[in-house]
Amino acid sequence: MSRKGRCERKTRETDIRVELDLDGSGSTAVSTGLPFFDHMLDLMFRHAFVDLDIEARGDLDVDGHHTAEDTGIAIGKALTQALGDKRGINRFGFSLVPMDECLSEVALDISGRPLLVYAVELAQEPLGNFDPALARDFFAALVNEAGLTLHITLKRAGGLHHGLESVFKAVGRAIKMAVERDPRSDDIPSTKGTL
């Protein structure tokens, strides 16, 4: 059974198309107009082994907020579609990822209950045209749209680039674990019978 999702989101501020395949190899094609954000999405989905194709145009003359937030919404919609009724998935995922001097810890539950805990303290200097605060905006939108419980902790900070890189890689590794099928069960992984 195919586990693919697609979303097209067009507003006055953004025009975004997302396609993803949960059973892919981590192949990505990402273009948001925010090169650092493209890099982060590329490595996140490569580590998730999820194929991702994104084309986003936003009002970057204002700033990157709408593009980052609406990209999170569109990925969340595509992820929800790809997961279907969530039957047979692991549901939970976690990771501990170093990136040189930085270390990130992520715990994820595909719970149907949106909650983001974002304990990431880094310098707020721009990375090209990407404001580091946009990372939180992106994850908040993803969590709210896909109904995820996501805890992200940067346990050891260092350089800004490496800190965010460890965060995005750690989220990708947790997604990989959570969306994988459990070969022992085709049930919905909840005592309630629904997620």
N, C-alpha and C. Protein backbone atom coordinates (compact mmCIF):
# COMPACT_ATOMS: atom_id res chain seq x y z
N MET A 1 0.84 -1.19 0.00
CA MET A 1 0.00 0.00 0.00
C MET A 1 0.88 1.25 0.00
N SER A 2 0.59 2.18 -0.89
CA SER A 2 1.38 3.40 -1.04
C SER A 2 1.16 4.32 0.15
N ARG A 3 2.24 4.90 0.64
CA ARG A 3 2.14 5.87 1.74
C ARG A 3 2.72 7.19 1.25
N LYS A 4 1.96 7.80 0.33
CA LYS A 4 2.38 9.06 -0.27
C LYS A 4 1.39 10.15 0.10
N GLY A 5 1.89 11.36 0.19
CA GLY A 5 1.03 12.50 0.49
C GLY A 5 1.38 13.68 -0.38
N ARG A 6 0.39 14.51 -0.59
CA ARG A 6 0.58 15.69 -1.45
C ARG A 6 -0.25 16.83 -0.88
N CYS A 7 0.29 18.04 -0.99
CA CYS A 7 -0.46 19.23 -0.57
C CYS A 7 -0.08 20.39 -1.46
N GLU A 8 -1.09 21.13 -1.89
CA GLU A 8 -0.88 22.40 -2.56
C GLU A 8 -1.56 23.47 -1.72
N ARG A 9 -0.78 24.44 -1.32
CA ARG A 9 -1.30 25.51 -0.46
C ARG A 9 -0.99 26.85 -1.11
N LYS A 10 -2.04 27.61 -1.38
CA LYS A 10 -1.87 28.91 -2.01
C LYS A 10 -2.63 29.94 -1.20
N THR A 11 -1.89 30.96 -0.74
CA THR A 11 -2.50 32.07 0.00
C THR A 11 -2.02 33.37 -0.65
N ARG A 12 -2.40 34.48 -0.08
CA ARG A 12 -1.90 35.76 -0.58
C ARG A 12 -0.40 35.93 -0.30
N GLU A 13 0.11 35.11 0.63
CA GLU A 13 1.50 35.25 1.05
C GLU A 13 2.43 34.18 0.49
N THR A 14 1.88 33.01 0.20
CA THR A 14 2.72 31.90 -0.25
C THR A 14 2.01 31.05 -1.30
N ASP A 15 2.81 30.31 -2.05
CA ASP A 15 2.32 29.33 -3.01
C ASP A 15 3.25 28.12 -2.88
N ILE A 16 2.73 27.03 -2.31
CA ILE A 16 3.58 25.90 -1.92
C ILE A 16 3.00 24.60 -2.44
N ARG A 17 3.88 23.77 -2.99
CA ARG A 17 3.52 22.42 -3.41
C ARG A 17 4.46 21.44 -2.74
N VAL A 18 3.89 20.42 -2.08
CA VAL A 18 4.67 19.41 -1.38
C VAL A 18 4.21 18.03 -1.82
N GLU A 19 5.16 17.15 -2.09
CA GLU A 19 4.90 15.73 -2.30
C GLU A 19 5.89 14.96 -1.45
N LEU A 20 5.41 13.91 -0.78
CA LEU A 20 6.32 13.09 0.01
C LEU A 20 5.92 11.63 -0.06
N ASP A 21 6.90 10.77 0.18
CA ASP A 21 6.72 9.31 0.16
C ASP A 21 7.42 8.75 1.40
N LEU A 22 6.63 8.23 2.33
CA LEU A 22 7.18 7.71 3.58
C LEU A 22 8.05 6.48 3.38
N ASP A 23 7.88 5.79 2.26
CA ASP A 23 8.66 4.58 2.00
C ASP A 23 9.73 4.82 0.95
N GLY A 24 10.26 6.02 0.93
CA GLY A 24 11.27 6.39 -0.03
C GLY A 24 12.68 6.07 0.45
N SER A 25 13.64 6.74 -0.16
CA SER A 25 15.05 6.52 0.15
C SER A 25 15.72 7.78 0.70
N GLY A 26 14.95 8.86 0.85
CA GLY A 26 15.51 10.12 1.31
C GLY A 26 15.90 11.03 0.18
N SER A 27 15.36 10.80 -0.99
CA SER A 27 15.61 11.66 -2.14
C SER A 27 14.84 12.96 -1.97
N THR A 28 15.52 14.09 -2.17
CA THR A 28 14.85 15.37 -1.95
C THR A 28 15.10 16.34 -3.10
N ALA A 29 14.11 17.19 -3.32
CA ALA A 29 14.22 18.34 -4.21
C ALA A 29 13.50 19.47 -3.49
N VAL A 30 14.25 20.44 -2.96
CA VAL A 30 13.68 21.46 -2.09
C VAL A 30 14.05 22.85 -2.60
N SER A 31 13.04 23.70 -2.79
CA SER A 31 13.28 25.07 -3.20
C SER A 31 12.26 25.97 -2.52
N THR A 32 12.73 26.74 -1.53
CA THR A 32 11.83 27.63 -0.79
C THR A 32 12.20 29.11 -0.92
N GLY A 33 13.34 29.39 -1.53
CA GLY A 33 13.83 30.77 -1.58
C GLY A 33 14.64 31.14 -0.35
N LEU A 34 14.74 30.20 0.60
CA LEU A 34 15.55 30.37 1.81
C LEU A 34 16.62 29.27 1.79
N PRO A 35 17.79 29.51 1.22
CA PRO A 35 18.77 28.46 1.00
C PRO A 35 19.16 27.66 2.26
N PHE A 36 19.31 28.33 3.40
CA PHE A 36 19.66 27.58 4.62
C PHE A 36 18.52 26.66 5.02
N PHE A 37 17.28 27.14 4.91
CA PHE A 37 16.10 26.31 5.20
C PHE A 37 16.04 25.12 4.25
N ASP A 38 16.33 25.34 2.97
CA ASP A 38 16.38 24.24 2.00
C ASP A 38 17.37 23.17 2.48
N HIS A 39 18.53 23.61 2.93
CA HIS A 39 19.57 22.70 3.41
C HIS A 39 19.06 21.90 4.60
N MET A 40 18.39 22.56 5.53
CA MET A 40 17.88 21.87 6.72
C MET A 40 16.79 20.85 6.36
N LEU A 41 15.87 21.22 5.46
CA LEU A 41 14.82 20.29 5.05
C LEU A 41 15.41 19.10 4.29
N ASP A 42 16.40 19.38 3.47
CA ASP A 42 17.08 18.31 2.73
C ASP A 42 17.66 17.29 3.69
N LEU A 43 18.44 17.74 4.67
CA LEU A 43 19.08 16.76 5.55
C LEU A 43 18.07 16.10 6.50
N MET A 44 17.03 16.83 6.90
CA MET A 44 16.01 16.24 7.78
C MET A 44 15.32 15.06 7.09
N PHE A 45 14.91 15.26 5.84
CA PHE A 45 14.17 14.19 5.17
C PHE A 45 15.09 13.11 4.62
N ARG A 46 16.33 13.43 4.35
CA ARG A 46 17.30 12.38 4.00
C ARG A 46 17.49 11.43 5.18
N HIS A 47 17.59 12.00 6.38
CA HIS A 47 17.76 11.16 7.57
C HIS A 47 16.47 10.45 7.96
N ALA A 48 15.34 10.95 7.51
CA ALA A 48 14.06 10.27 7.75
C ALA A 48 13.81 9.17 6.73
N PHE A 49 14.61 9.13 5.66
CA PHE A 49 14.39 8.21 4.54
C PHE A 49 13.01 8.42 3.92
N VAL A 50 12.59 9.68 3.91
CA VAL A 50 11.33 10.09 3.29
C VAL A 50 11.66 10.90 2.05
N ASP A 51 11.12 10.51 0.90
CA ASP A 51 11.30 11.29 -0.31
C ASP A 51 10.47 12.57 -0.18
N LEU A 52 11.07 13.70 -0.54
CA LEU A 52 10.41 14.99 -0.38
C LEU A 52 10.67 15.86 -1.60
N ASP A 53 9.59 16.43 -2.13
CA ASP A 53 9.68 17.38 -3.23
C ASP A 53 8.88 18.61 -2.83
N ILE A 54 9.57 19.75 -2.70
CA ILE A 54 8.91 20.99 -2.28
C ILE A 54 9.29 22.11 -3.23
N GLU A 55 8.27 22.83 -3.65
CA GLU A 55 8.49 24.08 -4.36
C GLU A 55 7.65 25.13 -3.65
N ALA A 56 8.32 26.14 -3.10
CA ALA A 56 7.62 27.17 -2.34
C ALA A 56 8.05 28.55 -2.81
N ARG A 57 7.06 29.40 -2.98
CA ARG A 57 7.30 30.81 -3.26
C ARG A 57 6.54 31.60 -2.21
N GLY A 58 7.26 32.54 -1.58
CA GLY A 58 6.62 33.33 -0.54
C GLY A 58 7.03 34.77 -0.60
N ASP A 59 6.45 35.57 0.27
CA ASP A 59 6.71 37.01 0.31
C ASP A 59 8.01 37.30 1.07
N LEU A 60 9.11 36.83 0.50
CA LEU A 60 10.41 36.99 1.15
C LEU A 60 10.86 38.44 1.21
N ASP A 61 10.22 39.31 0.43
CA ASP A 61 10.52 40.74 0.54
C ASP A 61 10.05 41.29 1.88
N VAL A 62 9.07 40.61 2.51
CA VAL A 62 8.62 40.98 3.86
C VAL A 62 9.58 40.35 4.86
N ASP A 63 9.59 39.01 4.90
CA ASP A 63 10.55 38.21 5.65
C ASP A 63 10.25 36.75 5.36
N GLY A 64 10.91 35.85 6.04
CA GLY A 64 10.75 34.42 5.75
C GLY A 64 9.69 33.71 6.56
N HIS A 65 9.00 34.44 7.46
CA HIS A 65 8.06 33.78 8.37
C HIS A 65 6.95 33.01 7.65
N HIS A 66 6.26 33.66 6.72
CA HIS A 66 5.15 33.00 6.05
C HIS A 66 5.61 31.78 5.27
N THR A 67 6.77 31.86 4.65
CA THR A 67 7.29 30.73 3.88
C THR A 67 7.61 29.55 4.80
N ALA A 68 8.29 29.81 5.91
CA ALA A 68 8.65 28.73 6.84
C ALA A 68 7.40 28.12 7.47
N GLU A 69 6.49 28.97 7.94
CA GLU A 69 5.27 28.48 8.60
C GLU A 69 4.39 27.70 7.62
N ASP A 70 4.16 28.25 6.44
CA ASP A 70 3.27 27.57 5.49
C ASP A 70 3.90 26.30 4.92
N THR A 71 5.23 26.25 4.86
CA THR A 71 5.90 25.01 4.47
C THR A 71 5.64 23.94 5.53
N GLY A 72 5.69 24.32 6.81
CA GLY A 72 5.36 23.37 7.88
C GLY A 72 3.93 22.88 7.79
N ILE A 73 3.00 23.78 7.49
CA ILE A 73 1.59 23.39 7.34
C ILE A 73 1.44 22.42 6.18
N ALA A 74 2.05 22.73 5.04
CA ALA A 74 1.91 21.89 3.85
C ALA A 74 2.54 20.51 4.06
N ILE A 75 3.70 20.46 4.69
CA ILE A 75 4.32 19.16 4.99
C ILE A 75 3.45 18.39 5.97
N GLY A 76 2.88 19.07 6.95
CA GLY A 76 2.00 18.41 7.92
C GLY A 76 0.78 17.79 7.26
N LYS A 77 0.17 18.51 6.31
CA LYS A 77 -0.99 17.98 5.58
C LYS A 77 -0.59 16.76 4.75
N ALA A 78 0.55 16.84 4.06
CA ALA A 78 1.01 15.72 3.23
C ALA A 78 1.36 14.52 4.10
N LEU A 79 1.97 14.77 5.25
CA LEU A 79 2.33 13.68 6.17
C LEU A 79 1.07 12.99 6.70
N THR A 80 0.07 13.76 7.07
CA THR A 80 -1.19 13.20 7.56
C THR A 80 -1.84 12.32 6.49
N GLN A 81 -1.84 12.81 5.26
CA GLN A 81 -2.41 12.04 4.16
C GLN A 81 -1.63 10.74 3.95
N ALA A 82 -0.31 10.81 3.99
CA ALA A 82 0.52 9.62 3.76
C ALA A 82 0.34 8.59 4.86
N LEU A 83 0.12 9.03 6.09
CA LEU A 83 -0.03 8.09 7.22
C LEU A 83 -1.39 7.40 7.24
N GLY A 84 -2.39 8.00 6.59
CA GLY A 84 -3.72 7.39 6.57
C GLY A 84 -4.25 7.19 7.99
N ASP A 85 -4.72 5.98 8.30
CA ASP A 85 -5.26 5.72 9.64
C ASP A 85 -4.16 5.35 10.65
N LYS A 86 -2.90 5.37 10.21
CA LYS A 86 -1.73 5.13 11.06
C LYS A 86 -1.61 3.66 11.49
N ARG A 87 -2.32 2.82 10.81
CA ARG A 87 -2.30 1.40 11.14
C ARG A 87 -0.91 0.80 10.91
N GLY A 88 -0.39 0.10 11.91
CA GLY A 88 0.86 -0.64 11.78
C GLY A 88 2.14 0.15 11.94
N ILE A 89 2.05 1.46 12.24
CA ILE A 89 3.28 2.24 12.42
C ILE A 89 3.82 2.06 13.84
N ASN A 90 5.09 2.41 14.02
CA ASN A 90 5.67 2.37 15.36
C ASN A 90 5.05 3.42 16.28
N ARG A 91 4.67 4.55 15.73
CA ARG A 91 4.06 5.68 16.41
C ARG A 91 5.08 6.55 17.14
N PHE A 92 5.95 5.97 17.92
CA PHE A 92 6.95 6.73 18.67
C PHE A 92 8.29 6.70 17.96
N GLY A 93 9.02 7.79 18.07
CA GLY A 93 10.37 7.86 17.55
C GLY A 93 11.21 8.77 18.43
N PHE A 94 12.48 8.47 18.50
CA PHE A 94 13.38 9.30 19.30
C PHE A 94 14.77 9.24 18.71
N SER A 95 15.59 10.22 19.04
CA SER A 95 16.96 10.22 18.55
C SER A 95 17.83 11.14 19.40
N LEU A 96 19.10 10.86 19.34
CA LEU A 96 20.12 11.67 19.99
C LEU A 96 21.20 11.87 18.93
N VAL A 97 21.33 13.09 18.43
CA VAL A 97 22.20 13.33 17.27
C VAL A 97 23.26 14.39 17.57
N PRO A 98 24.54 14.01 17.48
CA PRO A 98 25.60 15.00 17.60
C PRO A 98 25.91 15.62 16.23
N MET A 99 26.29 16.85 16.24
CA MET A 99 26.86 17.50 15.06
C MET A 99 28.06 18.27 15.57
N ASP A 100 29.20 17.61 15.50
CA ASP A 100 30.43 18.16 16.08
C ASP A 100 30.20 18.54 17.54
N GLU A 101 30.28 19.84 17.88
CA GLU A 101 30.19 20.25 19.28
C GLU A 101 28.77 20.29 19.81
N CYS A 102 27.77 20.13 18.95
CA CYS A 102 26.36 20.26 19.34
C CYS A 102 25.72 18.88 19.51
N LEU A 103 24.69 18.82 20.34
CA LEU A 103 23.99 17.57 20.59
C LEU A 103 22.50 17.84 20.77
N SER A 104 21.67 17.18 19.97
CA SER A 104 20.22 17.36 20.05
C SER A 104 19.52 16.06 20.41
N GLU A 105 18.47 16.21 21.20
CA GLU A 105 17.63 15.07 21.61
C GLU A 105 16.20 15.36 21.17
N VAL A 106 15.59 14.38 20.51
CA VAL A 106 14.22 14.55 20.02
C VAL A 106 13.39 13.34 20.42
N ALA A 107 12.17 13.58 20.87
CA ALA A 107 11.19 12.52 21.12
C ALA A 107 9.91 12.92 20.40
N LEU A 108 9.32 11.96 19.67
CA LEU A 108 8.16 12.20 18.81
C LEU A 108 7.09 11.16 19.05
N ASP A 109 5.85 11.62 19.10
CA ASP A 109 4.69 10.74 19.18
C ASP A 109 3.69 11.19 18.12
N ILE A 110 3.36 10.29 17.20
CA ILE A 110 2.32 10.58 16.21
C ILE A 110 1.00 10.30 16.91
N SER A 111 0.61 11.24 17.75
CA SER A 111 -0.44 11.04 18.75
C SER A 111 -1.80 11.57 18.35
N GLY A 112 -1.84 12.49 17.39
CA GLY A 112 -3.08 13.18 17.10
C GLY A 112 -3.29 14.38 18.03
N ARG A 113 -2.36 14.59 18.95
CA ARG A 113 -2.45 15.69 19.91
C ARG A 113 -1.26 16.63 19.67
N PRO A 114 -1.48 17.79 19.06
CA PRO A 114 -0.36 18.68 18.75
C PRO A 114 0.23 19.35 19.99
N LEU A 115 1.53 19.18 20.14
CA LEU A 115 2.27 19.85 21.21
C LEU A 115 3.73 19.94 20.80
N LEU A 116 4.29 21.13 20.89
CA LEU A 116 5.71 21.32 20.62
C LEU A 116 6.38 21.83 21.88
N VAL A 117 7.43 21.14 22.30
CA VAL A 117 8.34 21.64 23.32
C VAL A 117 9.65 21.89 22.60
N TYR A 118 10.05 23.15 22.53
CA TYR A 118 11.21 23.55 21.73
C TYR A 118 12.22 24.22 22.66
N ALA A 119 13.14 23.44 23.19
CA ALA A 119 14.16 23.94 24.11
C ALA A 119 15.48 24.07 23.36
N VAL A 120 15.54 25.08 22.52
CA VAL A 120 16.71 25.32 21.67
C VAL A 120 17.16 26.76 21.89
N GLU A 121 18.32 26.92 22.51
CA GLU A 121 18.85 28.26 22.74
C GLU A 121 20.12 28.42 21.92
N LEU A 122 20.03 29.29 20.93
CA LEU A 122 21.14 29.58 20.03
C LEU A 122 21.18 31.07 19.74
N ALA A 123 22.31 31.54 19.26
CA ALA A 123 22.40 32.93 18.82
C ALA A 123 21.35 33.18 17.75
N GLN A 124 20.85 34.38 17.68
CA GLN A 124 19.81 34.71 16.71
C GLN A 124 20.35 35.56 15.57
N GLU A 125 21.54 35.19 15.10
CA GLU A 125 22.12 35.88 13.95
C GLU A 125 21.57 35.25 12.68
N PRO A 126 21.32 36.04 11.64
CA PRO A 126 20.80 35.46 10.40
C PRO A 126 21.81 34.54 9.73
N LEU A 127 21.30 33.51 9.11
CA LEU A 127 22.08 32.59 8.29
C LEU A 127 21.66 32.86 6.85
N GLY A 128 22.36 33.74 6.17
CA GLY A 128 21.90 34.22 4.87
C GLY A 128 20.61 34.99 5.09
N ASN A 129 19.54 34.59 4.38
CA ASN A 129 18.25 35.26 4.57
C ASN A 129 17.33 34.47 5.50
N PHE A 130 17.92 33.57 6.29
CA PHE A 130 17.14 32.74 7.21
C PHE A 130 17.37 33.20 8.65
N ASP A 131 16.28 33.60 9.30
CA ASP A 131 16.31 33.97 10.71
C ASP A 131 16.18 32.67 11.52
N PRO A 132 17.10 32.36 12.43
CA PRO A 132 17.03 31.09 13.18
C PRO A 132 15.71 30.89 13.93
N ALA A 133 15.02 31.97 14.30
CA ALA A 133 13.73 31.83 14.98
C ALA A 133 12.68 31.17 14.09
N LEU A 134 12.89 31.18 12.77
CA LEU A 134 11.95 30.55 11.85
C LEU A 134 11.92 29.03 12.00
N ALA A 135 12.96 28.44 12.55
CA ALA A 135 12.97 26.99 12.77
C ALA A 135 11.82 26.61 13.71
N ARG A 136 11.66 27.37 14.78
CA ARG A 136 10.56 27.09 15.71
C ARG A 136 9.20 27.28 15.03
N ASP A 137 9.08 28.34 14.22
CA ASP A 137 7.83 28.59 13.50
C ASP A 137 7.48 27.40 12.60
N PHE A 138 8.49 26.88 11.91
CA PHE A 138 8.29 25.73 11.03
C PHE A 138 7.82 24.51 11.82
N PHE A 139 8.53 24.17 12.91
CA PHE A 139 8.16 22.99 13.68
C PHE A 139 6.79 23.14 14.33
N ALA A 140 6.45 24.34 14.79
CA ALA A 140 5.13 24.57 15.39
C ALA A 140 4.02 24.32 14.37
N ALA A 141 4.20 24.81 13.16
CA ALA A 141 3.20 24.60 12.11
C ALA A 141 3.08 23.13 11.74
N LEU A 142 4.21 22.45 11.62
CA LEU A 142 4.22 21.01 11.31
C LEU A 142 3.49 20.21 12.37
N VAL A 143 3.80 20.48 13.62
CA VAL A 143 3.18 19.79 14.76
C VAL A 143 1.67 20.02 14.78
N ASN A 144 1.26 21.27 14.63
CA ASN A 144 -0.17 21.60 14.70
C ASN A 144 -0.96 20.96 13.56
N GLU A 145 -0.38 20.95 12.37
CA GLU A 145 -1.10 20.41 11.22
C GLU A 145 -1.14 18.89 11.22
N ALA A 146 -0.05 18.24 11.63
CA ALA A 146 0.03 16.78 11.58
C ALA A 146 -0.41 16.11 12.88
N GLY A 147 -0.69 16.89 13.92
CA GLY A 147 -1.11 16.31 15.20
C GLY A 147 0.00 15.51 15.86
N LEU A 148 1.18 16.12 15.96
CA LEU A 148 2.33 15.45 16.55
C LEU A 148 2.62 16.01 17.94
N THR A 149 3.12 15.17 18.82
CA THR A 149 3.75 15.63 20.05
C THR A 149 5.24 15.54 19.80
N LEU A 150 5.93 16.68 19.88
CA LEU A 150 7.34 16.74 19.50
C LEU A 150 8.12 17.52 20.55
N HIS A 151 9.09 16.86 21.16
CA HIS A 151 9.99 17.49 22.11
C HIS A 151 11.36 17.60 21.46
N ILE A 152 11.87 18.80 21.36
CA ILE A 152 13.19 19.06 20.77
C ILE A 152 14.04 19.77 21.82
N THR A 153 15.16 19.17 22.16
CA THR A 153 16.07 19.77 23.13
C THR A 153 17.48 19.83 22.55
N LEU A 154 18.03 21.01 22.48
CA LEU A 154 19.44 21.15 22.14
C LEU A 154 20.20 21.03 23.45
N LYS A 155 20.76 19.85 23.69
CA LYS A 155 21.40 19.55 24.97
C LYS A 155 22.75 20.22 25.11
N ARG A 156 23.43 20.39 23.99
CA ARG A 156 24.73 21.04 24.01
C ARG A 156 24.82 21.97 22.82
N ALA A 157 24.87 23.24 23.09
CA ALA A 157 24.90 24.23 22.01
C ALA A 157 26.34 24.51 21.60
N GLY A 158 26.48 25.11 20.46
CA GLY A 158 27.78 25.53 19.95
C GLY A 158 27.51 26.53 18.86
N GLY A 159 28.07 26.30 17.68
CA GLY A 159 27.81 27.18 16.55
C GLY A 159 26.37 27.09 16.10
N LEU A 160 25.87 28.20 15.60
CA LEU A 160 24.48 28.29 15.17
C LEU A 160 24.15 27.29 14.07
N HIS A 161 24.98 27.22 13.05
CA HIS A 161 24.73 26.30 11.93
C HIS A 161 24.69 24.86 12.42
N HIS A 162 25.69 24.45 13.18
CA HIS A 162 25.74 23.07 13.67
C HIS A 162 24.62 22.77 14.65
N GLY A 163 24.24 23.76 15.45
CA GLY A 163 23.13 23.55 16.39
C GLY A 163 21.84 23.24 15.67
N LEU A 164 21.49 24.06 14.67
CA LEU A 164 20.26 23.80 13.92
C LEU A 164 20.38 22.53 13.08
N GLU A 165 21.55 22.25 12.56
CA GLU A 165 21.74 21.02 11.79
C GLU A 165 21.49 19.80 12.65
N SER A 166 22.00 19.80 13.90
CA SER A 166 21.76 18.65 14.77
C SER A 166 20.27 18.52 15.10
N VAL A 167 19.58 19.65 15.25
CA VAL A 167 18.13 19.63 15.54
C VAL A 167 17.37 19.00 14.37
N PHE A 168 17.59 19.48 13.16
CA PHE A 168 16.84 18.98 12.01
C PHE A 168 17.17 17.52 11.72
N LYS A 169 18.42 17.13 11.87
CA LYS A 169 18.78 15.71 11.68
C LYS A 169 18.11 14.84 12.73
N ALA A 170 18.09 15.31 13.98
CA ALA A 170 17.47 14.53 15.05
C ALA A 170 15.98 14.35 14.81
N VAL A 171 15.31 15.41 14.34
CA VAL A 171 13.88 15.28 14.03
C VAL A 171 13.69 14.28 12.89
N GLY A 172 14.53 14.35 11.88
CA GLY A 172 14.44 13.39 10.78
C GLY A 172 14.59 11.95 11.25
N ARG A 173 15.57 11.70 12.11
CA ARG A 173 15.77 10.32 12.61
C ARG A 173 14.58 9.85 13.44
N ALA A 174 13.98 10.75 14.21
CA ALA A 174 12.80 10.38 15.00
C ALA A 174 11.60 10.10 14.09
N ILE A 175 11.44 10.89 13.02
CA ILE A 175 10.36 10.63 12.06
C ILE A 175 10.55 9.26 11.43
N LYS A 176 11.76 8.94 11.03
CA LYS A 176 12.04 7.64 10.42
C LYS A 176 11.55 6.51 11.31
N MET A 177 11.90 6.57 12.58
CA MET A 177 11.53 5.52 13.52
C MET A 177 10.00 5.47 13.72
N ALA A 178 9.38 6.63 13.86
CA ALA A 178 7.95 6.68 14.18
C ALA A 178 7.07 6.20 13.03
N VAL A 179 7.44 6.51 11.79
CA VAL A 179 6.58 6.14 10.66
C VAL A 179 6.85 4.73 10.13
N GLU A 180 7.94 4.11 10.58
CA GLU A 180 8.23 2.75 10.12
C GLU A 180 7.11 1.80 10.53
N ARG A 181 6.89 0.82 9.69
CA ARG A 181 5.88 -0.20 10.00
C ARG A 181 6.45 -1.21 10.99
N ASP A 182 5.63 -1.60 11.95
CA ASP A 182 5.99 -2.66 12.89
C ASP A 182 5.53 -3.98 12.27
N PRO A 183 6.46 -4.87 11.92
CA PRO A 183 6.07 -6.10 11.23
C PRO A 183 5.22 -7.04 12.09
N ARG A 184 5.13 -6.78 13.38
CA ARG A 184 4.36 -7.67 14.27
C ARG A 184 2.90 -7.31 14.37
N SER A 185 2.52 -6.13 13.84
CA SER A 185 1.14 -5.70 14.03
C SER A 185 0.67 -4.83 12.88
N ASP A 186 -0.61 -4.99 12.51
CA ASP A 186 -1.24 -4.10 11.55
C ASP A 186 -2.35 -3.31 12.23
N ASP A 187 -2.28 -3.25 13.56
CA ASP A 187 -3.28 -2.51 14.32
C ASP A 187 -2.89 -1.04 14.42
N ILE A 188 -3.85 -0.23 14.84
CA ILE A 188 -3.57 1.16 15.17
C ILE A 188 -2.90 1.15 16.54
N PRO A 189 -1.70 1.73 16.68
CA PRO A 189 -0.95 1.61 17.93
C PRO A 189 -1.47 2.52 19.05
N SER A 190 -2.69 2.20 19.52
CA SER A 190 -3.31 2.97 20.59
C SER A 190 -4.34 2.11 21.28
N THR A 191 -4.39 2.16 22.60
CA THR A 191 -5.42 1.43 23.33
C THR A 191 -6.81 2.00 23.06
N LYS A 192 -6.86 3.25 22.56
CA LYS A 192 -8.15 3.85 22.20
C LYS A 192 -8.69 3.31 20.88
N GLY A 193 -7.78 2.76 20.06
CA GLY A 193 -8.19 2.26 18.74
C GLY A 193 -8.15 3.32 17.67
N THR A 194 -7.67 4.51 18.01
CA THR A 194 -7.57 5.59 17.04
C THR A 194 -6.45 6.54 17.46
N LEU A 195 -5.87 7.19 16.49
CA LEU A 195 -4.85 8.22 16.76
C LEU A 195 -5.27 9.49 16.05
